[in-house]
Amino acid sequence: MSEKARRLFDALDLDQDGTLTRAEVIGALRSKGPTLAAQGAIPFWGVGDTEESSALFDAADQNGDRVLSFEEFAAVVDRRFGW
């Protein structure tokens, strides 16, 4: 799993509890997405709307527990963003 995925995960983990909720992913991508893209932490095309952020969350939530571990998150973003 990539270091870029780790940095992005940490940036989206607003409450710093080591997991991501749907609300964190959506909220953080909406508020921090453009800045993260400008820093190269996420591709510009990866900054989507609420529906796209929700779809990213659903694709990553492999076990259906409605929270993302770093491993679940990294597996999807590494593949989707080509890292």
N, C-alpha and C. Protein backbone atom coordinates (compact mmCIF):
# COMPACT_ATOMS: atom_id res chain seq x y z
N MET A 1 0.85 -1.18 0.00
CA MET A 1 0.00 0.00 0.00
C MET A 1 0.89 1.23 0.00
N SER A 2 0.44 2.23 -0.73
CA SER A 2 1.30 3.36 -0.99
C SER A 2 1.33 4.38 0.14
N GLU A 3 2.40 5.13 0.13
CA GLU A 3 2.54 6.24 1.08
C GLU A 3 1.53 7.34 0.76
N LYS A 4 1.20 7.50 -0.53
CA LYS A 4 0.19 8.49 -0.91
C LYS A 4 -1.16 8.12 -0.30
N ALA A 5 -1.50 6.84 -0.32
CA ALA A 5 -2.76 6.40 0.28
C ALA A 5 -2.77 6.70 1.78
N ARG A 6 -1.64 6.50 2.44
CA ARG A 6 -1.55 6.78 3.89
C ARG A 6 -1.75 8.26 4.15
N ARG A 7 -1.09 9.11 3.38
CA ARG A 7 -1.23 10.56 3.59
C ARG A 7 -2.67 11.00 3.35
N LEU A 8 -3.30 10.46 2.30
CA LEU A 8 -4.68 10.83 2.02
C LEU A 8 -5.62 10.33 3.12
N PHE A 9 -5.43 9.10 3.55
CA PHE A 9 -6.24 8.55 4.63
C PHE A 9 -6.14 9.44 5.87
N ASP A 10 -4.92 9.80 6.25
CA ASP A 10 -4.73 10.63 7.43
C ASP A 10 -5.38 12.01 7.27
N ALA A 11 -5.34 12.55 6.06
CA ALA A 11 -5.97 13.86 5.81
C ALA A 11 -7.49 13.78 5.92
N LEU A 12 -8.06 12.64 5.53
CA LEU A 12 -9.51 12.48 5.57
C LEU A 12 -10.03 12.05 6.94
N ASP A 13 -9.17 11.50 7.76
CA ASP A 13 -9.55 11.01 9.09
C ASP A 13 -9.67 12.19 10.05
N LEU A 14 -10.77 12.91 9.93
CA LEU A 14 -10.95 14.17 10.65
C LEU A 14 -10.89 14.02 12.17
N ASP A 15 -11.39 12.91 12.70
CA ASP A 15 -11.36 12.74 14.15
C ASP A 15 -10.14 11.94 14.62
N GLN A 16 -9.27 11.58 13.67
CA GLN A 16 -8.01 10.89 13.97
C GLN A 16 -8.19 9.62 14.80
N ASP A 17 -9.26 8.84 14.48
CA ASP A 17 -9.49 7.61 15.21
C ASP A 17 -8.99 6.37 14.48
N GLY A 18 -8.37 6.57 13.32
CA GLY A 18 -7.82 5.44 12.57
C GLY A 18 -8.78 4.74 11.65
N THR A 19 -10.00 5.27 11.54
CA THR A 19 -11.00 4.74 10.60
C THR A 19 -11.66 5.93 9.91
N LEU A 20 -12.30 5.63 8.79
CA LEU A 20 -13.04 6.66 8.06
C LEU A 20 -14.51 6.28 8.01
N THR A 21 -15.37 7.23 8.32
CA THR A 21 -16.80 7.05 8.15
C THR A 21 -17.20 7.68 6.82
N ARG A 22 -18.39 7.35 6.36
CA ARG A 22 -18.91 7.96 5.13
C ARG A 22 -18.92 9.49 5.26
N ALA A 23 -19.37 9.98 6.40
CA ALA A 23 -19.45 11.43 6.62
C ALA A 23 -18.06 12.07 6.56
N GLU A 24 -17.05 11.41 7.11
CA GLU A 24 -15.69 11.94 7.05
C GLU A 24 -15.20 12.01 5.60
N VAL A 25 -15.40 10.94 4.86
CA VAL A 25 -14.93 10.91 3.47
C VAL A 25 -15.60 12.01 2.67
N ILE A 26 -16.92 12.11 2.76
CA ILE A 26 -17.65 13.11 2.00
C ILE A 26 -17.26 14.52 2.45
N GLY A 27 -17.28 14.75 3.76
CA GLY A 27 -16.98 16.08 4.28
C GLY A 27 -15.55 16.52 3.99
N ALA A 28 -14.61 15.62 4.20
CA ALA A 28 -13.21 15.98 4.00
C ALA A 28 -12.90 16.19 2.53
N LEU A 29 -13.44 15.36 1.64
CA LEU A 29 -13.19 15.56 0.21
C LEU A 29 -13.81 16.86 -0.28
N ARG A 30 -14.95 17.23 0.28
CA ARG A 30 -15.59 18.50 -0.13
C ARG A 30 -14.80 19.69 0.40
N SER A 31 -14.34 19.62 1.65
CA SER A 31 -13.66 20.78 2.22
C SER A 31 -12.17 20.81 1.90
N LYS A 32 -11.52 19.65 1.87
CA LYS A 32 -10.07 19.61 1.66
C LYS A 32 -9.67 19.15 0.26
N GLY A 33 -10.61 18.63 -0.51
CA GLY A 33 -10.30 18.04 -1.80
C GLY A 33 -9.49 18.93 -2.73
N PRO A 34 -9.93 20.16 -2.98
CA PRO A 34 -9.16 21.01 -3.89
C PRO A 34 -7.74 21.27 -3.39
N THR A 35 -7.58 21.47 -2.11
CA THR A 35 -6.25 21.69 -1.54
C THR A 35 -5.40 20.44 -1.66
N LEU A 36 -5.99 19.29 -1.37
CA LEU A 36 -5.27 18.02 -1.51
C LEU A 36 -4.85 17.78 -2.95
N ALA A 37 -5.71 18.13 -3.89
CA ALA A 37 -5.38 17.97 -5.31
C ALA A 37 -4.24 18.90 -5.70
N ALA A 38 -4.29 20.13 -5.23
CA ALA A 38 -3.23 21.09 -5.54
C ALA A 38 -1.88 20.64 -4.97
N GLN A 39 -1.92 19.93 -3.84
CA GLN A 39 -0.70 19.42 -3.22
C GLN A 39 -0.23 18.11 -3.85
N GLY A 40 -1.03 17.55 -4.75
CA GLY A 40 -0.68 16.29 -5.38
C GLY A 40 -1.05 15.07 -4.57
N ALA A 41 -1.84 15.25 -3.51
CA ALA A 41 -2.24 14.13 -2.65
C ALA A 41 -3.37 13.32 -3.26
N ILE A 42 -4.07 13.90 -4.21
CA ILE A 42 -5.18 13.24 -4.89
C ILE A 42 -5.25 13.83 -6.30
N PRO A 43 -5.56 13.03 -7.31
CA PRO A 43 -5.70 13.61 -8.65
C PRO A 43 -6.87 14.60 -8.68
N PHE A 44 -6.74 15.63 -9.51
CA PHE A 44 -7.83 16.61 -9.60
C PHE A 44 -9.14 15.94 -9.96
N TRP A 45 -9.12 14.94 -10.84
CA TRP A 45 -10.36 14.26 -11.22
C TRP A 45 -10.92 13.42 -10.07
N GLY A 46 -10.12 13.20 -9.02
CA GLY A 46 -10.58 12.43 -7.87
C GLY A 46 -11.41 13.23 -6.90
N VAL A 47 -11.44 14.54 -7.08
CA VAL A 47 -12.25 15.40 -6.21
C VAL A 47 -13.64 15.47 -6.82
N GLY A 48 -14.54 14.67 -6.28
CA GLY A 48 -15.88 14.58 -6.84
C GLY A 48 -16.92 15.20 -5.94
N ASP A 49 -18.17 15.03 -6.36
CA ASP A 49 -19.28 15.52 -5.57
C ASP A 49 -19.65 14.49 -4.49
N THR A 50 -20.70 14.75 -3.77
CA THR A 50 -21.13 13.88 -2.68
C THR A 50 -21.41 12.47 -3.17
N GLU A 51 -22.05 12.35 -4.32
CA GLU A 51 -22.38 11.04 -4.86
C GLU A 51 -21.12 10.23 -5.20
N GLU A 52 -20.14 10.88 -5.81
CA GLU A 52 -18.89 10.20 -6.16
C GLU A 52 -18.10 9.81 -4.92
N SER A 53 -18.08 10.69 -3.92
CA SER A 53 -17.39 10.38 -2.66
C SER A 53 -18.06 9.21 -1.95
N SER A 54 -19.38 9.19 -1.99
CA SER A 54 -20.12 8.08 -1.38
C SER A 54 -19.85 6.78 -2.12
N ALA A 55 -19.75 6.83 -3.44
CA ALA A 55 -19.45 5.64 -4.22
C ALA A 55 -18.04 5.12 -3.92
N LEU A 56 -17.09 6.03 -3.72
CA LEU A 56 -15.74 5.64 -3.33
C LEU A 56 -15.78 4.90 -1.99
N PHE A 57 -16.54 5.44 -1.05
CA PHE A 57 -16.67 4.80 0.25
C PHE A 57 -17.26 3.40 0.10
N ASP A 58 -18.34 3.27 -0.66
CA ASP A 58 -18.99 1.97 -0.84
C ASP A 58 -18.06 0.96 -1.49
N ALA A 59 -17.27 1.40 -2.46
CA ALA A 59 -16.34 0.49 -3.14
C ALA A 59 -15.27 0.00 -2.17
N ALA A 60 -14.89 0.83 -1.23
CA ALA A 60 -13.81 0.48 -0.30
C ALA A 60 -14.29 -0.34 0.90
N ASP A 61 -15.55 -0.22 1.27
CA ASP A 61 -16.06 -0.90 2.48
C ASP A 61 -16.29 -2.38 2.19
N GLN A 62 -15.21 -3.12 2.15
CA GLN A 62 -15.24 -4.54 1.78
C GLN A 62 -16.05 -5.40 2.73
N ASN A 63 -15.99 -5.12 4.02
CA ASN A 63 -16.69 -5.98 4.98
C ASN A 63 -18.06 -5.45 5.38
N GLY A 64 -18.47 -4.31 4.83
CA GLY A 64 -19.80 -3.78 5.07
C GLY A 64 -20.07 -3.26 6.46
N ASP A 65 -19.01 -2.92 7.20
CA ASP A 65 -19.21 -2.44 8.58
C ASP A 65 -19.43 -0.93 8.66
N ARG A 66 -19.48 -0.25 7.52
CA ARG A 66 -19.74 1.18 7.41
C ARG A 66 -18.65 2.06 7.97
N VAL A 67 -17.45 1.51 8.14
CA VAL A 67 -16.24 2.28 8.42
C VAL A 67 -15.12 1.69 7.58
N LEU A 68 -14.17 2.53 7.21
CA LEU A 68 -13.05 2.06 6.41
C LEU A 68 -11.79 1.99 7.25
N SER A 69 -11.15 0.85 7.20
CA SER A 69 -9.81 0.73 7.75
C SER A 69 -8.85 1.28 6.70
N PHE A 70 -7.61 1.51 7.12
CA PHE A 70 -6.63 1.97 6.14
C PHE A 70 -6.46 0.95 5.03
N GLU A 71 -6.44 -0.31 5.35
CA GLU A 71 -6.23 -1.36 4.35
C GLU A 71 -7.34 -1.36 3.29
N GLU A 72 -8.60 -1.23 3.74
CA GLU A 72 -9.72 -1.18 2.79
C GLU A 72 -9.58 0.04 1.89
N PHE A 73 -9.30 1.17 2.50
CA PHE A 73 -9.18 2.43 1.78
C PHE A 73 -8.05 2.38 0.76
N ALA A 74 -6.88 1.94 1.21
CA ALA A 74 -5.70 1.93 0.35
C ALA A 74 -5.88 1.00 -0.84
N ALA A 75 -6.51 -0.13 -0.63
CA ALA A 75 -6.71 -1.08 -1.73
C ALA A 75 -7.48 -0.44 -2.88
N VAL A 76 -8.47 0.39 -2.55
CA VAL A 76 -9.29 1.03 -3.58
C VAL A 76 -8.59 2.24 -4.18
N VAL A 77 -8.06 3.13 -3.34
CA VAL A 77 -7.46 4.34 -3.92
C VAL A 77 -6.17 4.04 -4.67
N ASP A 78 -5.39 3.08 -4.22
CA ASP A 78 -4.18 2.72 -4.97
C ASP A 78 -4.55 2.27 -6.38
N ARG A 79 -5.60 1.46 -6.49
CA ARG A 79 -6.04 0.96 -7.79
C ARG A 79 -6.71 2.07 -8.61
N ARG A 80 -7.61 2.81 -7.98
CA ARG A 80 -8.38 3.83 -8.70
C ARG A 80 -7.51 5.00 -9.17
N PHE A 81 -6.54 5.40 -8.34
CA PHE A 81 -5.71 6.54 -8.69
C PHE A 81 -4.39 6.13 -9.34
N GLY A 82 -4.18 4.84 -9.51
CA GLY A 82 -3.00 4.35 -10.19
C GLY A 82 -1.72 4.51 -9.40
N TRP A 83 -1.81 4.42 -8.07
CA TRP A 83 -0.61 4.57 -7.23
C TRP A 83 0.07 3.25 -7.05
